[in-house]
Amino acid sequence: MEKYIALLRGVNVGGKNKVPMPILKTAFEEAGFFDVCTYINSGNVIFSSKEDDISALQQACRQTIIGKFQMDIPVAVISASDLSDALCNAPEWWDNDRESKNIAVFMIAPAVADSLVKEVGLNHEYEKVSTYGQVIFWSAAIKTFSRTKWSSIIATPAYSCITIRNANTTKKLLELSKPQSS
């Protein structure tokens, strides 16, 4: 059975879309997912499923949230193996400079990473962007962050089709999705 990570967009941010993680965990278990755990309060759910169709999983996760919380929360779903592949193929510059913000942008299907990068663009002087599969790796110096195109993505239509995690959270999600040794 494959492990997956559901990344909920915009929960528990600024007091909006409150989703308690223990209740979310229970809701996923009641929906028939296995080995469910959550990580931090920003809507990260690691689970196993016999289903292997990402679109079907994304829809099932979304329906679970609607049913339990009466909120239609966008959800990105990525398999643990795809996340592992992406992180193994992350560009060398990603998460190697403590003076930079380093984020992973996850696509909410049907959005496509390469298309989104073309849509948002890039300020080559201040930021770096690379894609692998459905993950966009982005990095920019903290001191010039506001000069980047990607720092203002929240004000664009593109924001509705992504969810963002910092490098530490992204790596921790992969770690939590690995089988636990006894």
C-alpha atoms as a PDB file:
ATOM      1  CA  MET A   1       0.000   0.000   0.000  1.00  0.00           C
ATOM      2  CA  GLU A   2       1.393   3.383  -1.054  1.00  0.00           C
ATOM      3  CA  LYS A   3       1.948   6.312   1.306  1.00  0.00           C
ATOM      4  CA  TYR A   4       0.617   9.723   0.349  1.00  0.00           C
ATOM      5  CA  ILE A   5       0.764  13.234   1.697  1.00  0.00           C
ATOM      6  CA  ALA A   6      -2.263  15.519   1.551  1.00  0.00           C
ATOM      7  CA  LEU A   7      -1.367  19.196   1.738  1.00  0.00           C
ATOM      8  CA  LEU A   8      -4.332  21.366   2.643  1.00  0.00           C
ATOM      9  CA  ARG A   9      -4.214  24.960   1.419  1.00  0.00           C
ATOM     10  CA  GLY A  10      -4.938  27.855   3.743  1.00  0.00           C
ATOM     11  CA  VAL A  11      -5.968  26.120   6.966  1.00  0.00           C
ATOM     12  CA  ASN A  12      -5.299  27.541  10.425  1.00  0.00           C
ATOM     13  CA  VAL A  13      -3.757  30.697   8.958  1.00  0.00           C
ATOM     14  CA  GLY A  14      -4.639  33.949  10.684  1.00  0.00           C
ATOM     15  CA  GLY A  15      -7.599  32.356  12.457  1.00  0.00           C
ATOM     16  CA  LYS A  16      -9.273  31.334   9.195  1.00  0.00           C
ATOM     17  CA  ASN A  17     -10.353  27.840   8.141  1.00  0.00           C
ATOM     18  CA  LYS A  18      -9.753  26.297  11.545  1.00  0.00           C
ATOM     19  CA  VAL A  19      -9.118  22.585  11.204  1.00  0.00           C
ATOM     20  CA  PRO A  20      -7.974  20.840  14.393  1.00  0.00           C
ATOM     21  CA  MET A  21      -5.388  18.224  13.428  1.00  0.00           C
ATOM     22  CA  PRO A  22      -6.658  15.476  15.807  1.00  0.00           C
ATOM     23  CA  ILE A  23     -10.148  15.768  14.305  1.00  0.00           C
ATOM     24  CA  LEU A  24      -8.688  15.828  10.783  1.00  0.00           C
ATOM     25  CA  LYS A  25      -6.753  12.638  11.551  1.00  0.00           C
ATOM     26  CA  THR A  26      -9.915  10.925  12.777  1.00  0.00           C
ATOM     27  CA  ALA A  27     -11.848  12.113   9.711  1.00  0.00           C
ATOM     28  CA  PHE A  28      -9.248  10.584   7.384  1.00  0.00           C
ATOM     29  CA  GLU A  29      -9.358   7.298   9.326  1.00  0.00           C
ATOM     30  CA  GLU A  30     -13.170   7.255   9.152  1.00  0.00           C
ATOM     31  CA  ALA A  31     -12.903   7.862   5.379  1.00  0.00           C
ATOM     32  CA  GLY A  32     -11.001   4.586   5.035  1.00  0.00           C
ATOM     33  CA  PHE A  33      -7.405   5.785   4.928  1.00  0.00           C
ATOM     34  CA  PHE A  34      -4.740   3.870   6.874  1.00  0.00           C
ATOM     35  CA  ASP A  35      -1.686   4.787   8.976  1.00  0.00           C
ATOM     36  CA  VAL A  36      -2.928   8.372   9.259  1.00  0.00           C
ATOM     37  CA  CYS A  37      -0.854  11.021  10.998  1.00  0.00           C
ATOM     38  CA  THR A  38      -0.758  14.787  10.821  1.00  0.00           C
ATOM     39  CA  TYR A  39       2.192  17.110  11.040  1.00  0.00           C
ATOM     40  CA  ILE A  40       2.081  20.609  12.496  1.00  0.00           C
ATOM     41  CA  ASN A  41      -1.026  22.729  12.429  1.00  0.00           C
ATOM     42  CA  SER A  42      -0.899  23.788   8.778  1.00  0.00           C
ATOM     43  CA  GLY A  43      -2.810  20.914   7.226  1.00  0.00           C
ATOM     44  CA  ASN A  44      -0.368  18.125   6.433  1.00  0.00           C
ATOM     45  CA  VAL A  45      -1.755  14.586   6.472  1.00  0.00           C
ATOM     46  CA  ILE A  46       0.321  11.480   5.818  1.00  0.00           C
ATOM     47  CA  PHE A  47      -1.707   8.363   5.042  1.00  0.00           C
ATOM     48  CA  SER A  48      -1.754   5.043   3.226  1.00  0.00           C
ATOM     49  CA  SER A  49      -4.354   4.027   0.683  1.00  0.00           C
ATOM     50  CA  LYS A  50      -5.149   1.159  -1.638  1.00  0.00           C
ATOM     51  CA  GLU A  51      -6.279   3.786  -4.160  1.00  0.00           C
ATOM     52  CA  ASP A  52      -3.434   4.853  -6.433  1.00  0.00           C
ATOM     53  CA  ASP A  53      -5.118   7.489  -8.592  1.00  0.00           C
ATOM     54  CA  ILE A  54      -3.972  10.932  -7.382  1.00  0.00           C
ATOM     55  CA  SER A  55      -7.085  12.698  -8.704  1.00  0.00           C
ATOM     56  CA  ALA A  56      -9.367  10.230  -6.925  1.00  0.00           C
ATOM     57  CA  LEU A  57      -7.363  10.618  -3.712  1.00  0.00           C
ATOM     58  CA  GLN A  58      -7.453  14.388  -3.976  1.00  0.00           C
ATOM     59  CA  GLN A  59     -11.224  14.300  -4.409  1.00  0.00           C
ATOM     60  CA  ALA A  60     -11.663  11.847  -1.511  1.00  0.00           C
ATOM     61  CA  CYS A  61      -9.571  14.062   0.776  1.00  0.00           C
ATOM     62  CA  ARG A  62     -11.517  17.149  -0.238  1.00  0.00           C
ATOM     63  CA  GLN A  63     -14.860  15.399   0.316  1.00  0.00           C
ATOM     64  CA  THR A  64     -13.676  14.192   3.725  1.00  0.00           C
ATOM     65  CA  ILE A  65     -12.934  17.778   4.736  1.00  0.00           C
ATOM     66  CA  ILE A  66     -16.234  19.060   3.375  1.00  0.00           C
ATOM     67  CA  GLY A  67     -18.095  16.315   5.245  1.00  0.00           C
ATOM     68  CA  LYS A  68     -16.348  16.863   8.564  1.00  0.00           C
ATOM     69  CA  PHE A  69     -15.712  20.620   8.600  1.00  0.00           C
ATOM     70  CA  GLN A  70     -18.200  21.969   6.032  1.00  0.00           C
ATOM     71  CA  MET A  71     -15.316  23.764   4.283  1.00  0.00           C
ATOM     72  CA  ASP A  72     -14.219  23.297   0.687  1.00  0.00           C
ATOM     73  CA  ILE A  73     -10.444  23.347   1.176  1.00  0.00           C
ATOM     74  CA  PRO A  74      -8.159  22.884  -1.844  1.00  0.00           C
ATOM     75  CA  VAL A  75      -5.909  19.844  -1.395  1.00  0.00           C
ATOM     76  CA  ALA A  76      -2.731  18.769  -3.160  1.00  0.00           C
ATOM     77  CA  VAL A  77      -1.871  15.077  -2.926  1.00  0.00           C
ATOM     78  CA  ILE A  78       1.545  13.641  -3.686  1.00  0.00           C
ATOM     79  CA  SER A  79       2.791  10.110  -3.208  1.00  0.00           C
ATOM     80  CA  ALA A  80       5.698   9.634  -0.824  1.00  0.00           C
ATOM     81  CA  SER A  81       7.687   8.101  -3.677  1.00  0.00           C
ATOM     82  CA  ASP A  82       7.061  11.139  -5.918  1.00  0.00           C
ATOM     83  CA  LEU A  83       8.066  13.485  -3.102  1.00  0.00           C
ATOM     84  CA  SER A  84      11.208  11.428  -2.539  1.00  0.00           C
ATOM     85  CA  ASP A  85      12.053  11.595  -6.258  1.00  0.00           C
ATOM     86  CA  ALA A  86      11.480  15.354  -6.293  1.00  0.00           C
ATOM     87  CA  LEU A  87      13.683  15.952  -3.263  1.00  0.00           C
ATOM     88  CA  CYS A  88      16.407  13.699  -4.675  1.00  0.00           C
ATOM     89  CA  ASN A  89      16.300  15.844  -7.828  1.00  0.00           C
ATOM     90  CA  ALA A  90      16.016  19.238  -6.146  1.00  0.00           C
ATOM     91  CA  PRO A  91      18.455  21.782  -7.538  1.00  0.00           C
ATOM     92  CA  GLU A  92      21.760  22.162  -5.691  1.00  0.00           C
ATOM     93  CA  TRP A  93      20.950  25.744  -4.681  1.00  0.00           C
ATOM     94  CA  TRP A  94      17.681  24.813  -2.950  1.00  0.00           C
ATOM     95  CA  ASP A  95      17.902  24.871   0.845  1.00  0.00           C
ATOM     96  CA  ASN A  96      21.651  25.467   0.890  1.00  0.00           C
ATOM     97  CA  ASP A  97      21.675  29.097   2.011  1.00  0.00           C
ATOM     98  CA  ARG A  98      20.373  30.059   5.462  1.00  0.00           C
ATOM     99  CA  GLU A  99      20.071  33.681   4.306  1.00  0.00           C
ATOM    100  CA  SER A 100      17.406  32.622   1.792  1.00  0.00           C
ATOM    101  CA  LYS A 101      13.802  31.530   1.877  1.00  0.00           C
ATOM    102  CA  ASN A 102      13.490  28.052   0.407  1.00  0.00           C
ATOM    103  CA  ILE A 103      10.064  26.724  -0.389  1.00  0.00           C
ATOM    104  CA  ALA A 104       8.412  23.874  -2.212  1.00  0.00           C
ATOM    105  CA  VAL A 105       5.300  24.751  -4.172  1.00  0.00           C
ATOM    106  CA  PHE A 106       2.888  21.845  -4.598  1.00  0.00           C
ATOM    107  CA  MET A 107       0.409  21.846  -7.436  1.00  0.00           C
ATOM    108  CA  ILE A 108      -3.276  21.262  -6.835  1.00  0.00           C
ATOM    109  CA  ALA A 109      -4.410  19.143  -9.789  1.00  0.00           C
ATOM    110  CA  PRO A 110      -5.163  19.761 -12.565  1.00  0.00           C
ATOM    111  CA  ALA A 111      -2.584  22.585 -12.453  1.00  0.00           C
ATOM    112  CA  VAL A 112       0.824  21.788 -13.959  1.00  0.00           C
ATOM    113  CA  ALA A 113       4.131  22.995 -12.502  1.00  0.00           C
ATOM    114  CA  ASP A 114       5.867  23.972 -15.745  1.00  0.00           C
ATOM    115  CA  SER A 115       2.833  25.957 -16.928  1.00  0.00           C
ATOM    116  CA  LEU A 116       2.607  27.798 -13.629  1.00  0.00           C
ATOM    117  CA  VAL A 117       6.290  28.763 -13.750  1.00  0.00           C
ATOM    118  CA  LYS A 118       5.749  30.256 -17.214  1.00  0.00           C
ATOM    119  CA  GLU A 119       2.655  32.106 -15.980  1.00  0.00           C
ATOM    120  CA  VAL A 120       4.282  33.610 -12.872  1.00  0.00           C
ATOM    121  CA  GLY A 121       7.661  34.293 -14.442  1.00  0.00           C
ATOM    122  CA  LEU A 122      10.973  34.873 -12.737  1.00  0.00           C
ATOM    123  CA  ASN A 123      13.087  37.822 -11.690  1.00  0.00           C
ATOM    124  CA  HIS A 124      16.500  36.285 -12.445  1.00  0.00           C
ATOM    125  CA  GLU A 125      18.278  38.891 -10.350  1.00  0.00           C
ATOM    126  CA  TYR A 126      16.524  37.939  -7.098  1.00  0.00           C
ATOM    127  CA  GLU A 127      15.139  34.408  -7.251  1.00  0.00           C
ATOM    128  CA  LYS A 128      15.699  30.879  -8.502  1.00  0.00           C
ATOM    129  CA  VAL A 129      12.985  28.478  -9.633  1.00  0.00           C
ATOM    130  CA  SER A 130      13.137  24.887 -10.809  1.00  0.00           C
ATOM    131  CA  THR A 131      10.545  22.140 -11.257  1.00  0.00           C
ATOM    132  CA  TYR A 132      10.564  18.415 -10.817  1.00  0.00           C
ATOM    133  CA  GLY A 133       7.314  16.630 -11.542  1.00  0.00           C
ATOM    134  CA  GLN A 134       4.552  18.548  -9.804  1.00  0.00           C
ATOM    135  CA  VAL A 135       6.853  20.295  -7.326  1.00  0.00           C
ATOM    136  CA  ILE A 136       8.323  23.757  -7.840  1.00  0.00           C
ATOM    137  CA  PHE A 137      11.485  24.562  -5.913  1.00  0.00           C
ATOM    138  CA  TRP A 138      11.932  28.259  -5.188  1.00  0.00           C
ATOM    139  CA  SER A 139      14.627  30.200  -3.388  1.00  0.00           C
ATOM    140  CA  ALA A 140      15.329  33.890  -2.794  1.00  0.00           C
ATOM    141  CA  ALA A 141      17.481  35.916  -0.438  1.00  0.00           C
ATOM    142  CA  ILE A 142      15.484  37.089   2.573  1.00  0.00           C
ATOM    143  CA  LYS A 143      16.758  40.653   2.203  1.00  0.00           C
ATOM    144  CA  THR A 144      15.468  40.977  -1.390  1.00  0.00           C
ATOM    145  CA  PHE A 145      12.457  38.675  -1.066  1.00  0.00           C
ATOM    146  CA  SER A 146       9.948  41.440  -1.813  1.00  0.00           C
ATOM    147  CA  ARG A 147      11.534  42.035  -5.240  1.00  0.00           C
ATOM    148  CA  THR A 148      10.739  38.530  -6.467  1.00  0.00           C
ATOM    149  CA  LYS A 149       7.824  37.601  -8.685  1.00  0.00           C
ATOM    150  CA  TRP A 150       7.009  34.575  -6.527  1.00  0.00           C
ATOM    151  CA  SER A 151       6.674  36.642  -3.342  1.00  0.00           C
ATOM    152  CA  SER A 152       3.554  38.266  -4.768  1.00  0.00           C
ATOM    153  CA  ILE A 153       1.906  35.079  -6.066  1.00  0.00           C
ATOM    154  CA  ILE A 154      -0.760  35.382  -3.367  1.00  0.00           C
ATOM    155  CA  ALA A 155      -2.259  38.305  -5.318  1.00  0.00           C
ATOM    156  CA  THR A 156      -2.554  36.343  -8.561  1.00  0.00           C
ATOM    157  CA  PRO A 157      -5.045  33.770  -9.894  1.00  0.00           C
ATOM    158  CA  ALA A 158      -2.192  31.226  -9.835  1.00  0.00           C
ATOM    159  CA  TYR A 159      -2.364  31.157  -6.033  1.00  0.00           C
ATOM    160  CA  SER A 160      -5.619  29.190  -6.127  1.00  0.00           C
ATOM    161  CA  CYS A 161      -3.888  26.149  -7.637  1.00  0.00           C
ATOM    162  CA  ILE A 162      -0.944  25.773  -5.242  1.00  0.00           C
ATOM    163  CA  THR A 163      -0.050  25.151  -1.645  1.00  0.00           C
ATOM    164  CA  ILE A 164       3.332  26.077  -0.226  1.00  0.00           C
ATOM    165  CA  ARG A 165       5.590  24.462   2.376  1.00  0.00           C
ATOM    166  CA  ASN A 166       9.015  25.539   3.550  1.00  0.00           C
ATOM    167  CA  ALA A 167      12.008  23.278   2.965  1.00  0.00           C
ATOM    168  CA  ASN A 168      12.095  21.972   6.543  1.00  0.00           C
ATOM    169  CA  THR A 169       8.419  20.994   6.500  1.00  0.00           C
ATOM    170  CA  THR A 170       8.767  19.381   3.076  1.00  0.00           C
ATOM    171  CA  LYS A 171      11.692  17.247   4.211  1.00  0.00           C
ATOM    172  CA  LYS A 172       9.951  16.311   7.470  1.00  0.00           C
ATOM    173  CA  LEU A 173       6.853  15.160   5.571  1.00  0.00           C
ATOM    174  CA  LEU A 174       8.998  12.777   3.556  1.00  0.00           C
ATOM    175  CA  GLU A 175      10.662  11.515   6.724  1.00  0.00           C
ATOM    176  CA  LEU A 176       7.276  10.898   8.376  1.00  0.00           C
ATOM    177  CA  SER A 177       6.027   9.024   5.317  1.00  0.00           C
ATOM    178  CA  LYS A 178       8.785   6.419   5.542  1.00  0.00           C
ATOM    179  CA  PRO A 179       8.019   3.111   7.257  1.00  0.00           C
ATOM    180  CA  GLN A 180       8.841   3.221  10.943  1.00  0.00           C
ATOM    181  CA  SER A 181      11.376   0.614  12.018  1.00  0.00           C
ATOM    182  CA  SER A 182      10.682  -1.249  15.237  1.00  0.00           C
END
